[in-house]
């Protein structure tokens, strides 16, 4: 299969990339810089089944440009893993003035998936797997204005959690529009990665992380299973957590989607 990944140079994305390469798939990694490309090559080896494309996912023009680059080089995409994520210690804003976790974690996957749809349409059974987090099925309706410019910043449980729920809702909206592309959003479980050891994690969680979080290989396997396990085949617009599909009762209207991403 021909598979595109974001966030495949480190953490659970790197572990997923290792599995996919071992399975013989052709992989395209979207990375932000030459350094991240070089880090990935050190970790993965230099393979003729590995392509690199460059984009800053906080910039919409970069997303459009990288999608065009992929379309010039690849004939089809069988699978897209929107795995790149951002967890910050305070409110940062994108070039267009939106809170950057929302921009990278929700808007970027939505836009990238739209831009790559022509290549997904050329595959026999295309899929899109998005990396979310826990408890998405328990979230409340979102305040779109607060997503873009939060009134109060709270580490992890605030803008980050809301951005991941926005991702679920946006991708489920695409699933309703595109019945021929299987779309799922997945909780990979708590994993020990650079992101979960950084300044964006609340201090009270760090001791728990050291005791209870799994290594990133487990998260990579969960993402892989969500794409290839037969029990998830034929089911789109799903949120997968604990190896089960959990119901998401909230749906976005088209005008709500536009209000969220524009």
Foldseek 3Di string as FASTA:
>chain_A
DEEEEEPLLWFLNVLLVQVCVVVPAQYEYEEADVVSVVSSCVVRPDDPSYHYFHADQLDLVRLLVRLVVCVVPDQAHQEYEYEDAAFDQDFDAGPVQFGRRLSNQAQSVLSNCVSRVVRNVPDQQHEYEYEAAPDLQVDDDDDLVCLGPNPDDDFPVPNNNVSRNNNLQSQLVVCVVDVRYAYEYEHLFFEDTPRCVDNSHDPVCVVVSVVPHHHSSSSSVRRVCCVDPPVNPSDHSFYAYPNDTDDRPDHDDPVRVVSRND
